[in-house]
PDB file of N, CA and C in Angstrom:
ATOM      1  N   UNK A   1      22.665 -34.414 -34.775  1.00  0.00           N
ATOM      2  CA  UNK A   1      22.424 -33.255 -33.775  1.00  0.00           C
ATOM      3  C   UNK A   1      23.453 -33.806 -32.728  1.00  0.00           C
ATOM      4  N   UNK A   2      24.500 -32.952 -32.432  1.00  0.00           N
ATOM      5  CA  UNK A   2      25.399 -33.283 -31.190  1.00  0.00           C
ATOM      6  C   UNK A   2      24.976 -32.559 -30.087  1.00  0.00           C
ATOM      7  N   UNK A   3      25.394 -33.295 -28.823  1.00  0.00           N
ATOM      8  CA  UNK A   3      24.700 -32.871 -27.506  1.00  0.00           C
ATOM      9  C   UNK A   3      25.063 -31.200 -27.552  1.00  0.00           C
ATOM     10  N   UNK A   4      26.258 -30.859 -28.035  1.00  0.00           N
ATOM     11  CA  UNK A   4      26.657 -29.402 -27.859  1.00  0.00           C
ATOM     12  C   UNK A   4      25.672 -28.579 -28.762  1.00  0.00           C
ATOM     13  N   UNK A   5      25.208 -29.007 -29.756  1.00  0.00           N
ATOM     14  CA  UNK A   5      24.197 -28.246 -30.686  1.00  0.00           C
ATOM     15  C   UNK A   5      22.922 -28.129 -29.446  1.00  0.00           C
ATOM     16  N   UNK A   6      22.513 -29.286 -29.204  1.00  0.00           N
ATOM     17  CA  UNK A   6      21.469 -29.260 -28.644  1.00  0.00           C
ATOM     18  C   UNK A   6      21.434 -28.269 -27.068  1.00  0.00           C
ATOM     19  N   UNK A   7      22.729 -28.223 -26.562  1.00  0.00           N
ATOM     20  CA  UNK A   7      22.903 -27.159 -25.359  1.00  0.00           C
ATOM     21  C   UNK A   7      23.012 -25.731 -25.793  1.00  0.00           C
ATOM     22  N   UNK A   8      23.383 -25.599 -27.072  1.00  0.00           N
ATOM     23  CA  UNK A   8      23.211 -24.187 -27.345  1.00  0.00           C
ATOM     24  C   UNK A   8      22.183 -23.946 -28.039  1.00  0.00           C
ATOM     25  N   UNK A   9      21.184 -24.615 -28.438  1.00  0.00           N
ATOM     26  CA  UNK A   9      19.832 -24.269 -28.874  1.00  0.00           C
ATOM     27  C   UNK A   9      18.998 -24.159 -27.720  1.00  0.00           C
ATOM     28  N   UNK A  10      19.139 -25.003 -26.510  1.00  0.00           N
ATOM     29  CA  UNK A  10      18.052 -24.825 -25.599  1.00  0.00           C
ATOM     30  C   UNK A  10      18.766 -24.001 -24.566  1.00  0.00           C
ATOM     31  N   UNK A  11      19.818 -23.417 -24.499  1.00  0.00           N
ATOM     32  CA  UNK A  11      20.445 -22.447 -23.568  1.00  0.00           C
ATOM     33  C   UNK A  11      19.862 -21.364 -23.420  1.00  0.00           C
ATOM     34  N   UNK A  12      19.357 -20.576 -22.158  1.00  0.00           N
ATOM     35  CA  UNK A  12      18.507 -19.506 -21.867  1.00  0.00           C
ATOM     36  C   UNK A  12      19.474 -18.400 -22.500  1.00  0.00           C
ATOM     37  N   UNK A  13      18.690 -17.262 -22.643  1.00  0.00           N
ATOM     38  CA  UNK A  13      19.148 -16.046 -23.004  1.00  0.00           C
ATOM     39  C   UNK A  13      20.158 -15.424 -21.957  1.00  0.00           C
ATOM     40  N   UNK A  14      21.168 -14.877 -22.264  1.00  0.00           N
ATOM     41  CA  UNK A  14      22.354 -14.339 -21.179  1.00  0.00           C
ATOM     42  C   UNK A  14      21.766 -13.589 -20.495  1.00  0.00           C
ATOM     43  N   UNK A  15      22.219 -13.257 -19.076  1.00  0.00           N
ATOM     44  CA  UNK A  15      21.736 -12.318 -18.246  1.00  0.00           C
ATOM     45  C   UNK A  15      21.947 -10.712 -18.557  1.00  0.00           C
ATOM     46  N   UNK A  16      21.097 -10.152 -18.452  1.00  0.00           N
ATOM     47  CA  UNK A  16      21.589  -8.631 -18.761  1.00  0.00           C
ATOM     48  C   UNK A  16      21.713  -7.842 -17.713  1.00  0.00           C
ATOM     49  N   UNK A  17      23.021  -7.066 -17.851  1.00  0.00           N
ATOM     50  CA  UNK A  17      23.714  -6.138 -17.110  1.00  0.00           C
ATOM     51  C   UNK A  17      22.664  -4.969 -16.481  1.00  0.00           C
ATOM     52  N   UNK A  18      22.559  -4.902 -15.454  1.00  0.00           N
ATOM     53  CA  UNK A  18      21.480  -3.847 -14.937  1.00  0.00           C
ATOM     54  C   UNK A  18      21.894  -2.473 -15.247  1.00  0.00           C
ATOM     55  N   UNK A  19      23.285  -2.228 -15.318  1.00  0.00           N
ATOM     56  CA  UNK A  19      23.695  -0.802 -15.348  1.00  0.00           C
ATOM     57  C   UNK A  19      23.942  -0.516 -17.270  1.00  0.00           C
ATOM     58  N   UNK A  20      23.387  -1.595 -17.951  1.00  0.00           N
ATOM     59  CA  UNK A  20      23.381  -1.598 -19.550  1.00  0.00           C
ATOM     60  C   UNK A  20      22.418  -0.590 -19.774  1.00  0.00           C
ATOM     61  N   UNK A  21      22.667   0.093 -20.996  1.00  0.00           N
ATOM     62  CA  UNK A  21      21.397   0.889 -21.433  1.00  0.00           C
ATOM     63  C   UNK A  21      20.066   0.252 -21.898  1.00  0.00           C
ATOM     64  N   UNK A  22      19.248   0.679 -21.951  1.00  0.00           N
ATOM     65  CA  UNK A  22      18.012  -0.022 -22.393  1.00  0.00           C
ATOM     66  C   UNK A  22      17.714   0.655 -23.486  1.00  0.00           C
ATOM     67  N   UNK A  23      16.289   0.067 -23.835  1.00  0.00           N
ATOM     68  CA  UNK A  23      15.688   1.044 -25.371  1.00  0.00           C
ATOM     69  C   UNK A  23      15.388   2.548 -25.099  1.00  0.00           C
ATOM     70  N   UNK A  24      15.468   2.764 -23.757  1.00  0.00           N
ATOM     71  CA  UNK A  24      15.148   4.250 -23.739  1.00  0.00           C
ATOM     72  C   UNK A  24      16.362   5.083 -23.595  1.00  0.00           C
ATOM     73  N   UNK A  25      17.475   4.387 -23.561  1.00  0.00           N
ATOM     74  CA  UNK A  25      18.936   5.334 -23.268  1.00  0.00           C
ATOM     75  C   UNK A  25      19.346   4.869 -22.103  1.00  0.00           C
ATOM     76  N   UNK A  26      20.425   5.360 -21.595  1.00  0.00           N
ATOM     77  CA  UNK A  26      21.117   5.249 -20.303  1.00  0.00           C
ATOM     78  C   UNK A  26      20.103   5.755 -19.313  1.00  0.00           C
ATOM     79  N   UNK A  27      19.453   6.689 -19.242  1.00  0.00           N
ATOM     80  CA  UNK A  27      18.964   7.020 -18.030  1.00  0.00           C
ATOM     81  C   UNK A  27      17.205   7.132 -18.479  1.00  0.00           C
ATOM     82  N   UNK A  28      16.555   6.158 -17.740  1.00  0.00           N
ATOM     83  CA  UNK A  28      15.154   6.011 -17.998  1.00  0.00           C
ATOM     84  C   UNK A  28      14.407   6.341 -16.660  1.00  0.00           C
ATOM     85  N   UNK A  29      13.231   6.797 -16.533  1.00  0.00           N
ATOM     86  CA  UNK A  29      12.688   7.199 -15.354  1.00  0.00           C
ATOM     87  C   UNK A  29      11.205   6.342 -15.120  1.00  0.00           C
ATOM     88  N   UNK A  30      11.000   5.689 -14.119  1.00  0.00           N
ATOM     89  CA  UNK A  30       9.623   5.061 -13.745  1.00  0.00           C
ATOM     90  C   UNK A  30       8.573   5.975 -13.957  1.00  0.00           C
ATOM     91  N   UNK A  31       7.304   5.760 -14.142  1.00  0.00           N
ATOM     92  CA  UNK A  31       6.219   6.808 -14.353  1.00  0.00           C
ATOM     93  C   UNK A  31       5.955   7.208 -12.796  1.00  0.00           C
ATOM     94  N   UNK A  32       6.105   5.933 -11.869  1.00  0.00           N
ATOM     95  CA  UNK A  32       5.718   6.168 -10.535  1.00  0.00           C
ATOM     96  C   UNK A  32       6.824   7.262  -9.903  1.00  0.00           C
ATOM     97  N   UNK A  33       7.801   7.225 -10.267  1.00  0.00           N
ATOM     98  CA  UNK A  33       8.920   8.190  -9.577  1.00  0.00           C
ATOM     99  C   UNK A  33       8.659   9.483 -10.312  1.00  0.00           C
ATOM    100  N   UNK A  34       8.326   9.297 -11.471  1.00  0.00           N
ATOM    101  CA  UNK A  34       7.830  10.615 -12.337  1.00  0.00           C
ATOM    102  C   UNK A  34       6.390  11.667 -11.718  1.00  0.00           C
ATOM    103  N   UNK A  35       5.767  10.699 -11.114  1.00  0.00           N
ATOM    104  CA  UNK A  35       4.313  11.307 -10.661  1.00  0.00           C
ATOM    105  C   UNK A  35       5.077  11.905  -9.185  1.00  0.00           C
ATOM    106  N   UNK A  36       5.719  10.961  -8.448  1.00  0.00           N
ATOM    107  CA  UNK A  36       6.412  11.382  -7.212  1.00  0.00           C
ATOM    108  C   UNK A  36       6.950  12.662  -7.467  1.00  0.00           C
ATOM    109  N   UNK A  37       7.749  13.218  -7.981  1.00  0.00           N
ATOM    110  CA  UNK A  37       8.660  14.115  -8.307  1.00  0.00           C
ATOM    111  C   UNK A  37       7.830  15.388  -8.792  1.00  0.00           C
ATOM    112  N   UNK A  38       6.866  15.188  -9.499  1.00  0.00           N
ATOM    113  CA  UNK A  38       5.752  16.196 -10.007  1.00  0.00           C
ATOM    114  C   UNK A  38       4.888  16.716  -8.889  1.00  0.00           C
ATOM    115  N   UNK A  39       4.322  15.562  -7.919  1.00  0.00           N
ATOM    116  CA  UNK A  39       3.698  16.009  -6.782  1.00  0.00           C
ATOM    117  C   UNK A  39       4.432  16.797  -5.874  1.00  0.00           C
ATOM    118  N   UNK A  40       5.912  16.404  -5.494  1.00  0.00           N
ATOM    119  CA  UNK A  40       6.741  17.167  -4.779  1.00  0.00           C
ATOM    120  C   UNK A  40       6.832  18.794  -5.194  1.00  0.00           C
ATOM    121  N   UNK A  41       7.108  18.875  -6.533  1.00  0.00           N
ATOM    122  CA  UNK A  41       7.171  20.107  -7.080  1.00  0.00           C
ATOM    123  C   UNK A  41       5.838  20.986  -6.959  1.00  0.00           C
ATOM    124  N   UNK A  42       4.944  20.287  -6.965  1.00  0.00           N
ATOM    125  CA  UNK A  42       3.440  21.108  -6.878  1.00  0.00           C
ATOM    126  C   UNK A  42       3.142  21.514  -5.546  1.00  0.00           C
ATOM    127  N   UNK A  43       3.848  20.529  -4.555  1.00  0.00           N
ATOM    128  CA  UNK A  43       3.558  21.078  -3.186  1.00  0.00           C
ATOM    129  C   UNK A  43       4.610  22.045  -2.786  1.00  0.00           C
ATOM    130  N   UNK A  44       5.665  21.873  -3.331  1.00  0.00           N
ATOM    131  CA  UNK A  44       6.504  23.054  -2.847  1.00  0.00           C
ATOM    132  C   UNK A  44       6.066  24.346  -3.302  1.00  0.00           C
ATOM    133  N   UNK A  45       5.486  24.239  -4.544  1.00  0.00           N
ATOM    134  CA  UNK A  45       5.058  25.436  -5.410  1.00  0.00           C
ATOM    135  C   UNK A  45       3.963  26.225  -4.710  1.00  0.00           C
ATOM    136  N   UNK A  46       3.039  25.302  -4.029  1.00  0.00           N
ATOM    137  CA  UNK A  46       1.944  25.506  -3.436  1.00  0.00           C
ATOM    138  C   UNK A  46       2.326  26.313  -1.832  1.00  0.00           C
ATOM    139  N   UNK A  47       3.128  25.680  -1.519  1.00  0.00           N
ATOM    140  CA  UNK A  47       3.583  26.025   0.144  1.00  0.00           C
ATOM    141  C   UNK A  47       4.557  27.301   0.124  1.00  0.00           C
ATOM    142  N   UNK A  48       5.048  27.654  -0.989  1.00  0.00           N
ATOM    143  CA  UNK A  48       5.770  28.794  -1.127  1.00  0.00           C
ATOM    144  C   UNK A  48       5.144  30.093  -1.803  1.00  0.00           C
ATOM    145  N   UNK A  49       4.018  29.638  -1.964  1.00  0.00           N
ATOM    146  CA  UNK A  49       3.054  30.767  -2.510  1.00  0.00           C
ATOM    147  C   UNK A  49       2.939  30.975  -3.936  1.00  0.00           C
ATOM    148  N   UNK A  50       3.658  30.283  -4.803  1.00  0.00           N
ATOM    149  CA  UNK A  50       4.034  30.674  -6.104  1.00  0.00           C
ATOM    150  C   UNK A  50       2.897  30.299  -6.927  1.00  0.00           C
ATOM    151  N   UNK A  51       2.209  29.223  -6.655  1.00  0.00           N
ATOM    152  CA  UNK A  51       0.799  28.989  -7.024  1.00  0.00           C
ATOM    153  C   UNK A  51      -0.172  29.834  -6.130  1.00  0.00           C
ATOM    154  N   UNK A  52      -0.969  30.606  -6.324  1.00  0.00           N
ATOM    155  CA  UNK A  52      -1.792  31.325  -5.463  1.00  0.00           C
ATOM    156  C   UNK A  52      -3.136  30.252  -4.912  1.00  0.00           C
ATOM    157  N   UNK A  53      -3.419  30.876  -3.591  1.00  0.00           N
ATOM    158  CA  UNK A  53      -4.590  29.840  -2.748  1.00  0.00           C
ATOM    159  C   UNK A  53      -5.741  29.630  -3.751  1.00  0.00           C
ATOM    160  N   UNK A  54      -6.063  30.746  -4.460  1.00  0.00           N
ATOM    161  CA  UNK A  54      -7.306  30.501  -5.448  1.00  0.00           C
ATOM    162  C   UNK A  54      -7.318  29.372  -6.391  1.00  0.00           C
ATOM    163  N   UNK A  55      -6.018  29.178  -6.932  1.00  0.00           N
ATOM    164  CA  UNK A  55      -6.131  27.952  -8.064  1.00  0.00           C
ATOM    165  C   UNK A  55      -5.981  26.479  -6.986  1.00  0.00           C
ATOM    166  N   UNK A  56      -5.691  26.420  -5.673  1.00  0.00           N
ATOM    167  CA  UNK A  56      -5.907  25.288  -5.015  1.00  0.00           C
ATOM    168  C   UNK A  56      -7.012  25.012  -4.625  1.00  0.00           C
ATOM    169  N   UNK A  57      -7.751  25.889  -4.244  1.00  0.00           N
ATOM    170  CA  UNK A  57      -9.133  25.970  -3.740  1.00  0.00           C
ATOM    171  C   UNK A  57     -10.039  25.233  -4.976  1.00  0.00           C
TER     172      UNK A  57
END
């Protein structure tokens, strides 16, 4: 085995481009952000009166 073969075998995986699509597709959202958005939507609905006060208590 030559030195170039050994270097090719032991080389690390290439760096992944952060803007490249992942297995979930081009746009994916972390569950933490999904929880934040859901909470803000619920808060907005409660403050505007769309969710009645009886449901909140």
